[in-house]
Amino acid sequence: MRSAKEYKAIREEIYRFIGAYITKHVYAPSNKEIAEAVGISGTTVHRHLIDMIDEGILETDAEPGTQRAIRIRNTQVVKRRKKSE
């Protein structure tokens, strides 16, 4: 079992990865992508995501288990247009 400090560090890493991924791709990463990036199992990712949603850190309006349906609370993604040359 992980210590509270390890648990918090993993959550922070998941949060940062999700934010960076959404910024780059304009949609959320899959649980598998999060697991691979953070180096934890998909089950552990799922547990952390559920906890973060319950605590209001992340949000979703999708059915449980829907992929790529999470977002960071109180943020909005705006896709930028490339400048014409």
C-alpha atoms as a PDB file:
ATOM      1  CA  MET A   1       0.000   0.000   0.000  1.00  0.00           C
ATOM      2  CA  ARG A   2       1.265   3.475  -0.856  1.00  0.00           C
ATOM      3  CA  SER A   3       1.839   6.188   1.706  1.00  0.00           C
ATOM      4  CA  ALA A   4      -0.279   9.349   1.710  1.00  0.00           C
ATOM      5  CA  LYS A   5       2.715  11.240   0.299  1.00  0.00           C
ATOM      6  CA  GLU A   6       3.081   8.782  -2.613  1.00  0.00           C
ATOM      7  CA  TYR A   7      -0.678   8.882  -3.248  1.00  0.00           C
ATOM      8  CA  LYS A   8      -0.605  12.689  -3.426  1.00  0.00           C
ATOM      9  CA  ALA A   9       2.450  12.679  -5.731  1.00  0.00           C
ATOM     10  CA  ILE A  10       0.725  10.263  -8.126  1.00  0.00           C
ATOM     11  CA  ARG A  11      -2.423  12.399  -8.179  1.00  0.00           C
ATOM     12  CA  GLU A  12      -0.394  15.513  -8.927  1.00  0.00           C
ATOM     13  CA  GLU A  13       1.402  13.713 -11.754  1.00  0.00           C
ATOM     14  CA  ILE A  14      -1.909  12.501 -13.200  1.00  0.00           C
ATOM     15  CA  TYR A  15      -3.352  16.028 -12.960  1.00  0.00           C
ATOM     16  CA  ARG A  16      -0.344  17.601 -14.706  1.00  0.00           C
ATOM     17  CA  PHE A  17      -0.360  14.938 -17.428  1.00  0.00           C
ATOM     18  CA  ILE A  18      -4.075  15.428 -18.113  1.00  0.00           C
ATOM     19  CA  GLY A  19      -3.646  19.211 -18.324  1.00  0.00           C
ATOM     20  CA  ALA A  20      -0.675  18.981 -20.684  1.00  0.00           C
ATOM     21  CA  TYR A  21      -2.395  16.351 -22.832  1.00  0.00           C
ATOM     22  CA  ILE A  22      -5.603  18.371 -23.168  1.00  0.00           C
ATOM     23  CA  THR A  23      -3.598  21.493 -24.017  1.00  0.00           C
ATOM     24  CA  LYS A  24      -1.816  19.621 -26.801  1.00  0.00           C
ATOM     25  CA  HIS A  25      -4.645  17.458 -28.188  1.00  0.00           C
ATOM     26  CA  VAL A  26      -7.824  19.370 -27.164  1.00  0.00           C
ATOM     27  CA  TYR A  27      -9.307  16.182 -25.672  1.00  0.00           C
ATOM     28  CA  ALA A  28      -8.569  14.086 -22.610  1.00  0.00           C
ATOM     29  CA  PRO A  29      -6.137  11.177 -22.573  1.00  0.00           C
ATOM     30  CA  SER A  30      -7.350   7.612 -22.184  1.00  0.00           C
ATOM     31  CA  ASN A  31      -6.800   5.771 -18.920  1.00  0.00           C
ATOM     32  CA  LYS A  32      -4.198   3.644 -20.707  1.00  0.00           C
ATOM     33  CA  GLU A  33      -2.286   6.736 -21.849  1.00  0.00           C
ATOM     34  CA  ILE A  34      -2.329   8.120 -18.308  1.00  0.00           C
ATOM     35  CA  ALA A  35      -1.175   4.781 -16.884  1.00  0.00           C
ATOM     36  CA  GLU A  36       1.722   4.546 -19.342  1.00  0.00           C
ATOM     37  CA  ALA A  37       2.798   8.157 -18.771  1.00  0.00           C
ATOM     38  CA  VAL A  38       2.686   7.943 -14.981  1.00  0.00           C
ATOM     39  CA  GLY A  39       3.915   4.344 -14.698  1.00  0.00           C
ATOM     40  CA  ILE A  40       0.960   2.872 -12.831  1.00  0.00           C
ATOM     41  CA  SER A  41      -1.767   0.353 -13.639  1.00  0.00           C
ATOM     42  CA  GLY A  42      -5.013   1.240 -15.374  1.00  0.00           C
ATOM     43  CA  THR A  43      -6.916   0.180 -12.255  1.00  0.00           C
ATOM     44  CA  THR A  44      -4.901   2.626 -10.161  1.00  0.00           C
ATOM     45  CA  VAL A  45      -5.550   5.397 -12.700  1.00  0.00           C
ATOM     46  CA  HIS A  46      -9.273   4.663 -12.580  1.00  0.00           C
ATOM     47  CA  ARG A  47      -9.305   4.823  -8.771  1.00  0.00           C
ATOM     48  CA  HIS A  48      -7.462   8.158  -8.751  1.00  0.00           C
ATOM     49  CA  LEU A  49      -9.754   9.635 -11.424  1.00  0.00           C
ATOM     50  CA  ILE A  50     -12.873   8.625  -9.491  1.00  0.00           C
ATOM     51  CA  ASP A  51     -11.434  10.165  -6.309  1.00  0.00           C
ATOM     52  CA  MET A  52     -10.505  13.369  -8.155  1.00  0.00           C
ATOM     53  CA  ILE A  53     -13.993  13.616  -9.676  1.00  0.00           C
ATOM     54  CA  ASP A  54     -15.605  13.011  -6.267  1.00  0.00           C
ATOM     55  CA  GLU A  55     -13.439  15.781  -4.775  1.00  0.00           C
ATOM     56  CA  GLY A  56     -14.285  18.231  -7.578  1.00  0.00           C
ATOM     57  CA  ILE A  57     -10.749  18.421  -8.992  1.00  0.00           C
ATOM     58  CA  LEU A  58     -11.836  16.839 -12.271  1.00  0.00           C
ATOM     59  CA  GLU A  59     -15.298  16.701 -13.774  1.00  0.00           C
ATOM     60  CA  THR A  60     -17.240  14.699 -16.298  1.00  0.00           C
ATOM     61  CA  ASP A  61     -20.805  14.569 -17.489  1.00  0.00           C
ATOM     62  CA  ALA A  62     -20.409  11.193 -19.175  1.00  0.00           C
ATOM     63  CA  GLU A  63     -21.506   7.784 -17.985  1.00  0.00           C
ATOM     64  CA  PRO A  64     -18.965   6.027 -15.735  1.00  0.00           C
ATOM     65  CA  GLY A  65     -16.279   4.291 -17.779  1.00  0.00           C
ATOM     66  CA  THR A  66     -16.604   6.551 -20.828  1.00  0.00           C
ATOM     67  CA  GLN A  67     -13.165   7.194 -22.300  1.00  0.00           C
ATOM     68  CA  ARG A  68     -11.747  10.685 -22.819  1.00  0.00           C
ATOM     69  CA  ALA A  69     -14.662  12.359 -21.026  1.00  0.00           C
ATOM     70  CA  ILE A  70     -12.798  13.985 -18.142  1.00  0.00           C
ATOM     71  CA  ARG A  71     -11.793  17.607 -17.875  1.00  0.00           C
ATOM     72  CA  ILE A  72     -10.079  19.781 -15.346  1.00  0.00           C
ATOM     73  CA  ARG A  73     -12.663  21.696 -13.363  1.00  0.00           C
ATOM     74  CA  ASN A  74     -13.164  25.384 -14.189  1.00  0.00           C
ATOM     75  CA  THR A  75     -11.127  25.294 -17.381  1.00  0.00           C
ATOM     76  CA  GLN A  76     -12.076  25.715 -20.985  1.00  0.00           C
ATOM     77  CA  VAL A  77     -10.137  24.459 -23.974  1.00  0.00           C
ATOM     78  CA  VAL A  78      -9.957  26.819 -26.909  1.00  0.00           C
ATOM     79  CA  LYS A  79      -8.471  25.565 -30.133  1.00  0.00           C
ATOM     80  CA  ARG A  80      -6.268  28.177 -31.774  1.00  0.00           C
ATOM     81  CA  ARG A  81      -6.240  28.752 -35.488  1.00  0.00           C
ATOM     82  CA  LYS A  82      -2.926  28.693 -37.265  1.00  0.00           C
ATOM     83  CA  LYS A  83      -1.835  31.883 -38.962  1.00  0.00           C
ATOM     84  CA  SER A  84      -2.212  31.907 -42.713  1.00  0.00           C
ATOM     85  CA  GLU A  85       1.020  32.299 -44.592  1.00  0.00           C
END
